[in-house]
Amino acid sequence: MRMHSLAWALTTLGMFNAIPAAQAADTYPNRPIRLVVPFEPGGSTDLTARIVAQALGDKLGQSVIVENKGGAGGNIGTAAVVEAKPDGYTLVWANVAPVAINTHLYAKMSYDPDKDLAPIGLATVFPNVLVVKSSFPASTLQEFVSQSKTRFDKLTYGSAGNGSSTHLAAEWLNTELGTSWLHVPYKGGGPALMAVVGGQVDMYFSSVPAAIPYLKNGTLKALGVTSKGRTETLPDVQPISSANLPDYEALNWNGLMAPAATPAAILDKLNAELRSVLESPDVRQRMLAQGADPSPMTRQEFADYIRSESAKWGKIVKTAKAQIQ
């Protein structure tokens, strides 16, 4: 009899504990939401966050206020969200670097992305584009790949910094082709792109929006994009994976995440509204203008995607022998 009473008491207690979380989701949100972007203002990550923040705020009936908190490759802003109250009012515009790359790259991390953050949903993916000077001797991806060991073994490539996605994308291709390219790191994507324009390095994996003006005026040419399929913004440029490199896909991406203990009902609500926002034709066009492909996912799909991305980039970081103290 005592066992039955204990079981009933525990069940009842569990039901009562679940009530506040359910009620919180029913009334959520009843005040503005803070969306932390773990990078400085002005880049594609920041601009896409602002597009989503405005549209999501309209859907939820509360302002979604973007707060830029850059530093340490996105780690500082992401860590700030990890430490926030898990009530759905502080979210992070999660990025591939602080969520899937940096845990392998940095000698010390103040958070564990897998344990300390709850996935809400993927929002956008950003393919990069491999650009070279218009005078570069290869004009097609196939020509570049087929002659990589004979004509293009000792090239130089720029990056936005040691361990950046642009560095690792190039190093991955370097490994796949068996070449011996020299890495030249710069302090950001802008200087690296200008180094290609100025002829200081042979190539760079640029963001699509930054490269387009130079592709249009003929200063640079595109050899391939880092997505597995063609992109809407550069439909005539082949994916690098099409050159007998089927596993090659190096994407920058963003999504929504929250502190780990955020109630599931709130996470579900945010996922539903985020997916609705990303399916809006207006939001889609604004995203594409930034070189970003809207890519809505369920919470579970996003969690699985993060795990696969972390495993992939972990291998590439190890191969590149990249580390930041």
Protein backbone atom coordinates (compact mmCIF):
# COMPACT_ATOMS: atom_id res chain seq x y z
CA MET A 1 0.00 0.00 0.00
CA ARG A 2 2.82 2.34 0.89
CA MET A 3 4.46 1.67 -2.50
CA HIS A 4 1.22 2.59 -4.30
CA SER A 5 0.93 5.78 -2.24
CA LEU A 6 4.54 6.71 -2.99
CA ALA A 7 4.06 6.10 -6.71
CA TRP A 8 0.90 8.23 -6.70
CA ALA A 9 2.69 11.01 -4.82
CA LEU A 10 5.62 11.03 -7.24
CA THR A 11 3.32 11.03 -10.26
CA THR A 12 1.27 13.87 -8.82
CA LEU A 13 4.40 15.84 -7.99
CA GLY A 14 5.64 15.39 -11.56
CA MET A 15 2.31 16.63 -12.92
CA PHE A 16 2.40 19.71 -10.71
CA ASN A 17 6.01 20.44 -11.69
CA ALA A 18 5.06 20.25 -15.36
CA ILE A 19 2.26 22.80 -14.94
CA PRO A 20 4.47 25.90 -14.54
CA ALA A 21 6.47 25.00 -17.68
CA ALA A 22 3.28 24.49 -19.70
CA GLN A 23 1.80 27.73 -18.39
CA ALA A 24 5.03 29.57 -19.21
CA ALA A 25 4.81 28.33 -22.80
CA ASP A 26 1.16 29.40 -23.06
CA THR A 27 1.98 32.98 -22.09
CA TYR A 28 5.38 33.10 -23.82
CA PRO A 29 6.58 35.59 -24.77
CA ASN A 30 5.19 38.40 -22.65
CA ARG A 31 8.23 40.67 -22.88
CA PRO A 32 11.03 41.37 -25.40
CA ILE A 33 13.49 38.61 -26.32
CA ARG A 34 17.24 39.18 -26.49
CA LEU A 35 18.99 37.58 -29.48
CA VAL A 36 22.76 37.51 -29.03
CA VAL A 37 24.82 37.55 -32.23
CA PRO A 38 28.31 36.34 -31.24
CA PHE A 39 30.05 38.45 -33.88
CA GLU A 40 30.51 42.13 -34.65
CA PRO A 41 27.83 44.09 -36.56
CA GLY A 42 27.78 44.32 -40.33
CA GLY A 43 28.62 40.84 -41.58
CA SER A 44 26.23 38.36 -43.17
CA THR A 45 25.70 36.58 -39.84
CA ASP A 46 24.59 39.84 -38.22
CA LEU A 47 22.41 40.91 -41.15
CA THR A 48 20.56 37.60 -41.38
CA ALA A 49 20.00 37.65 -37.61
CA ARG A 50 18.32 41.03 -37.95
CA ILE A 51 16.08 39.79 -40.77
CA VAL A 52 14.91 36.87 -38.62
CA ALA A 53 14.62 39.00 -35.47
CA GLN A 54 12.25 41.44 -37.14
CA ALA A 55 10.07 38.74 -38.71
CA LEU A 56 10.07 36.55 -35.59
CA GLY A 57 9.14 39.52 -33.43
CA ASP A 58 6.16 40.21 -35.68
CA LYS A 59 5.06 36.57 -35.37
CA LEU A 60 5.45 36.43 -31.59
CA GLY A 61 4.01 39.87 -30.88
CA GLN A 62 7.12 40.93 -28.94
CA SER A 63 10.32 42.66 -29.99
CA VAL A 64 13.36 40.46 -30.64
CA ILE A 65 16.31 42.70 -29.85
CA VAL A 66 19.65 41.89 -31.48
CA GLU A 67 22.71 42.31 -29.27
CA ASN A 68 26.16 41.91 -30.83
CA LYS A 69 28.70 40.33 -28.51
CA GLY A 70 31.75 39.37 -30.57
CA GLY A 71 35.12 37.96 -29.66
CA ALA A 72 37.10 34.69 -29.55
CA GLY A 73 35.59 33.32 -32.75
CA GLY A 74 32.05 33.60 -31.41
CA ASN A 75 32.82 31.99 -28.05
CA ILE A 76 32.21 35.07 -25.89
CA GLY A 77 28.67 35.77 -27.07
CA THR A 78 27.73 32.10 -27.07
CA ALA A 79 29.05 31.65 -23.52
CA ALA A 80 26.96 34.63 -22.38
CA VAL A 81 23.81 32.83 -23.53
CA VAL A 82 24.88 29.58 -21.87
CA GLU A 83 25.02 31.49 -18.57
CA ALA A 84 21.65 33.23 -19.07
CA LYS A 85 18.40 32.24 -17.36
CA PRO A 86 16.80 29.36 -19.33
CA ASP A 87 13.42 31.01 -19.80
CA GLY A 88 13.35 31.63 -23.56
CA TYR A 89 14.15 35.33 -23.26
CA THR A 90 17.84 35.02 -24.15
CA LEU A 91 18.72 33.20 -27.37
CA VAL A 92 21.85 32.94 -29.47
CA TRP A 93 22.16 33.24 -33.23
CA ALA A 94 24.20 30.05 -33.26
CA ASN A 95 27.02 29.72 -35.77
CA VAL A 96 29.07 26.80 -37.05
CA ALA A 97 32.26 28.18 -35.46
CA PRO A 98 31.31 28.48 -31.75
CA VAL A 99 28.97 25.48 -31.91
CA ALA A 100 30.72 22.90 -34.12
CA ILE A 101 34.33 24.01 -34.79
CA ASN A 102 35.78 25.83 -31.80
CA THR A 103 35.43 22.96 -29.36
CA HIS A 104 38.05 21.16 -31.49
CA LEU A 105 40.09 24.27 -32.25
CA TYR A 106 40.47 26.05 -28.90
CA ALA A 107 42.67 24.58 -26.19
CA LYS A 108 40.14 25.72 -23.56
CA MET A 109 36.40 26.34 -23.81
CA SER A 110 34.15 27.71 -21.06
CA TYR A 111 31.12 25.78 -22.34
CA ASP A 112 30.23 22.49 -24.01
CA PRO A 113 27.89 23.16 -26.98
CA ASP A 114 26.44 19.66 -26.77
CA LYS A 115 25.54 19.90 -23.07
CA ASP A 116 25.02 23.61 -22.44
CA LEU A 117 22.84 24.65 -25.39
CA ALA A 118 19.43 23.49 -26.61
CA PRO A 119 18.87 23.46 -30.39
CA ILE A 120 15.80 25.31 -31.63
CA GLY A 121 16.25 25.19 -35.38
CA LEU A 122 18.60 25.78 -38.29
CA ALA A 123 17.89 29.02 -40.12
CA THR A 124 20.37 29.61 -42.93
CA VAL A 125 23.35 28.06 -44.66
CA PHE A 126 26.03 30.12 -46.40
CA PRO A 127 28.09 28.48 -49.10
CA ASN A 128 31.40 30.15 -49.81
CA VAL A 129 32.87 30.55 -53.28
CA LEU A 130 36.45 29.80 -54.33
CA VAL A 131 37.69 32.91 -56.14
CA VAL A 132 40.89 33.63 -58.06
CA LYS A 133 42.14 36.51 -60.20
CA SER A 134 40.65 36.68 -63.69
CA SER A 135 44.16 36.02 -65.06
CA PHE A 136 44.49 32.74 -63.13
CA PRO A 137 45.47 29.98 -65.61
CA ALA A 138 42.52 27.69 -64.81
CA SER A 139 39.06 28.80 -65.90
CA THR A 140 36.96 25.82 -64.80
CA LEU A 141 36.73 23.70 -61.69
CA GLN A 142 37.62 20.55 -63.64
CA GLU A 143 40.73 22.19 -65.08
CA PHE A 144 41.79 23.37 -61.64
CA VAL A 145 41.29 19.97 -60.00
CA SER A 146 42.77 17.87 -62.82
CA GLN A 147 45.96 19.95 -62.84
CA SER A 148 46.15 20.56 -59.10
CA LYS A 149 49.26 18.42 -58.57
CA THR A 150 51.09 19.54 -61.69
CA ARG A 151 50.36 23.24 -62.18
CA PHE A 152 48.71 24.25 -58.92
CA ASP A 153 50.60 22.37 -56.21
CA LYS A 154 52.31 25.38 -54.58
CA LEU A 155 49.55 27.98 -54.49
CA THR A 156 48.87 30.43 -51.67
CA TYR A 157 45.44 30.91 -50.15
CA GLY A 158 44.14 33.64 -47.88
CA SER A 159 41.80 33.15 -44.96
CA ALA A 160 39.90 35.25 -42.43
CA GLY A 161 42.24 33.93 -39.73
CA ASN A 162 43.72 30.76 -38.30
CA GLY A 163 40.96 28.25 -37.63
CA SER A 164 38.29 30.28 -39.44
CA SER A 165 35.81 28.48 -41.67
CA THR A 166 37.61 29.95 -44.70
CA HIS A 167 40.90 28.47 -43.48
CA LEU A 168 39.42 25.05 -42.82
CA ALA A 169 37.48 24.96 -46.11
CA ALA A 170 40.72 25.57 -48.01
CA GLU A 171 42.69 23.12 -45.90
CA TRP A 172 40.08 20.43 -46.49
CA LEU A 173 40.38 20.90 -50.26
CA ASN A 174 44.17 21.00 -49.97
CA THR A 175 44.05 17.61 -48.24
CA GLU A 176 41.58 16.12 -50.72
CA LEU A 177 43.73 17.16 -53.69
CA GLY A 178 47.02 16.17 -52.09
CA THR A 179 48.50 19.59 -52.75
CA SER A 180 50.90 21.71 -50.69
CA TRP A 181 49.22 25.11 -50.56
CA LEU A 182 50.54 27.81 -48.26
CA HIS A 183 48.10 29.36 -45.78
CA VAL A 184 48.24 33.15 -45.40
CA PRO A 185 45.91 34.25 -42.55
CA TYR A 186 44.42 37.76 -42.44
CA LYS A 187 42.45 39.62 -39.78
CA GLY A 188 39.03 39.11 -41.30
CA GLY A 189 37.38 38.23 -44.58
CA GLY A 190 37.62 41.71 -46.08
CA PRO A 191 41.44 41.89 -46.02
CA ALA A 192 41.69 38.32 -47.32
CA LEU A 193 39.45 39.11 -50.28
CA MET A 194 41.45 42.25 -51.03
CA ALA A 195 44.62 40.14 -51.00
CA VAL A 196 43.25 38.08 -53.90
CA VAL A 197 42.12 41.21 -55.74
CA GLY A 198 45.59 42.71 -55.24
CA GLY A 199 47.43 39.53 -56.22
CA GLN A 200 49.09 38.95 -52.83
CA VAL A 201 47.56 35.44 -52.65
CA ASP A 202 46.27 33.11 -55.35
CA MET A 203 42.85 32.26 -53.98
CA TYR A 204 40.32 32.68 -51.20
CA PHE A 205 37.03 31.11 -50.11
CA SER A 206 34.91 34.25 -50.03
CA SER A 207 31.36 34.80 -48.85
CA VAL A 208 29.12 35.06 -51.89
CA PRO A 209 27.83 38.64 -51.34
CA ALA A 210 31.36 40.00 -50.85
CA ALA A 211 32.63 38.32 -54.03
CA ILE A 212 29.77 39.23 -56.39
CA PRO A 213 30.90 42.82 -57.23
CA TYR A 214 34.36 41.55 -58.23
CA LEU A 215 32.89 38.68 -60.23
CA LYS A 216 30.59 41.06 -62.07
CA ASN A 217 33.34 43.56 -62.97
CA GLY A 218 35.71 40.81 -64.09
CA THR A 219 38.40 41.34 -61.46
CA LEU A 220 37.87 37.83 -60.06
CA LYS A 221 36.43 34.59 -61.34
CA ALA A 222 34.69 31.81 -59.45
CA LEU A 223 35.93 28.23 -59.68
CA GLY A 224 33.43 26.53 -57.38
CA VAL A 225 31.04 26.84 -54.45
CA THR A 226 31.35 24.90 -51.20
CA SER A 227 27.75 23.61 -51.14
CA LYS A 228 26.84 20.22 -52.60
CA GLY A 229 24.38 21.83 -54.98
CA ARG A 230 24.36 25.01 -57.02
CA THR A 231 23.30 28.17 -55.22
CA GLU A 232 20.51 30.49 -56.30
CA THR A 233 22.81 33.52 -56.07
CA LEU A 234 25.54 31.97 -58.29
CA PRO A 235 23.61 29.43 -60.37
CA ASP A 236 26.31 29.09 -63.05
CA VAL A 237 29.08 28.14 -60.61
CA GLN A 238 29.65 24.43 -60.04
CA PRO A 239 29.84 22.84 -56.60
CA ILE A 240 33.37 21.69 -55.73
CA SER A 241 31.86 18.32 -54.81
CA SER A 242 31.03 17.76 -58.50
CA ALA A 243 34.75 17.36 -59.31
CA ASN A 244 34.94 13.79 -57.96
CA LEU A 245 34.91 15.11 -54.38
CA PRO A 246 31.46 13.85 -53.27
CA ASP A 247 31.98 14.43 -49.53
CA TYR A 248 33.16 18.02 -49.84
CA GLU A 249 30.70 20.48 -48.31
CA ALA A 250 32.00 23.40 -46.27
CA LEU A 251 29.13 25.60 -45.17
CA ASN A 252 28.82 28.49 -42.79
CA TRP A 253 25.46 28.31 -41.04
CA ASN A 254 23.29 29.97 -38.44
CA GLY A 255 20.37 28.90 -36.31
CA LEU A 256 18.63 29.52 -33.02
CA MET A 257 19.74 27.95 -29.73
CA ALA A 258 18.87 28.57 -26.09
CA PRO A 259 20.33 27.72 -22.67
CA ALA A 260 20.11 23.96 -22.11
CA ALA A 261 17.38 23.94 -19.43
CA THR A 262 14.89 26.03 -21.43
CA PRO A 263 11.43 24.34 -21.29
CA ALA A 264 10.73 22.08 -24.26
CA ALA A 265 7.35 23.72 -24.87
CA ILE A 266 9.06 27.09 -25.41
CA LEU A 267 11.66 25.52 -27.70
CA ASP A 268 8.88 23.89 -29.73
CA LYS A 269 7.02 27.17 -30.04
CA LEU A 270 10.14 28.99 -31.21
CA ASN A 271 10.92 26.25 -33.72
CA ALA A 272 7.43 26.44 -35.22
CA GLU A 273 7.57 30.22 -35.53
CA LEU A 274 11.11 30.17 -36.94
CA ARG A 275 10.13 27.67 -39.63
CA SER A 276 7.12 29.78 -40.52
CA VAL A 277 9.30 32.89 -40.81
CA LEU A 278 11.82 31.12 -43.07
CA GLU A 279 9.05 29.99 -45.41
CA SER A 280 7.94 33.60 -45.96
CA PRO A 281 8.72 34.74 -49.55
CA ASP A 282 9.83 38.15 -48.27
CA VAL A 283 12.26 36.71 -45.73
CA ARG A 284 13.53 34.22 -48.29
CA GLN A 285 14.35 36.95 -50.81
CA ARG A 286 16.07 39.07 -48.19
CA MET A 287 18.14 36.08 -47.08
CA LEU A 288 19.17 35.21 -50.63
CA ALA A 289 20.32 38.81 -51.11
CA GLN A 290 22.81 38.12 -48.29
CA GLY A 291 24.03 34.92 -49.93
CA ALA A 292 22.15 32.78 -47.39
CA ASP A 293 19.85 29.87 -48.22
CA PRO A 294 16.91 29.56 -45.76
CA SER A 295 17.03 25.99 -44.43
CA PRO A 296 14.35 25.29 -41.80
CA MET A 297 14.69 22.14 -39.69
CA THR A 298 12.92 20.51 -36.78
CA ARG A 299 14.62 20.62 -33.39
CA GLN A 300 15.78 17.01 -33.72
CA GLU A 301 17.04 17.53 -37.26
CA PHE A 302 19.06 20.52 -36.11
CA ALA A 303 20.51 18.58 -33.17
CA ASP A 304 21.56 15.77 -35.52
CA TYR A 305 23.01 18.27 -37.98
CA ILE A 306 25.12 19.93 -35.27
CA ARG A 307 26.52 16.56 -34.20
CA SER A 308 27.44 15.61 -37.76
CA GLU A 309 29.02 19.02 -38.39
CA SER A 310 31.05 18.80 -35.18
CA ALA A 311 32.35 15.35 -36.12
CA LYS A 312 33.25 16.50 -39.63
CA TRP A 313 35.04 19.69 -38.59
CA GLY A 314 36.81 17.89 -35.76
CA LYS A 315 38.55 15.67 -38.30
CA ILE A 316 39.46 18.64 -40.50
CA VAL A 317 40.87 20.64 -37.57
CA LYS A 318 42.98 17.63 -36.60
CA THR A 319 44.26 17.17 -40.16
CA ALA A 320 45.08 20.88 -40.45
CA LYS A 321 46.82 20.77 -37.05
CA ALA A 322 45.07 24.03 -36.22
CA GLN A 323 44.81 25.15 -32.60
CA ILE A 324 44.20 28.39 -30.75
CA GLN A 325 45.44 28.73 -27.18
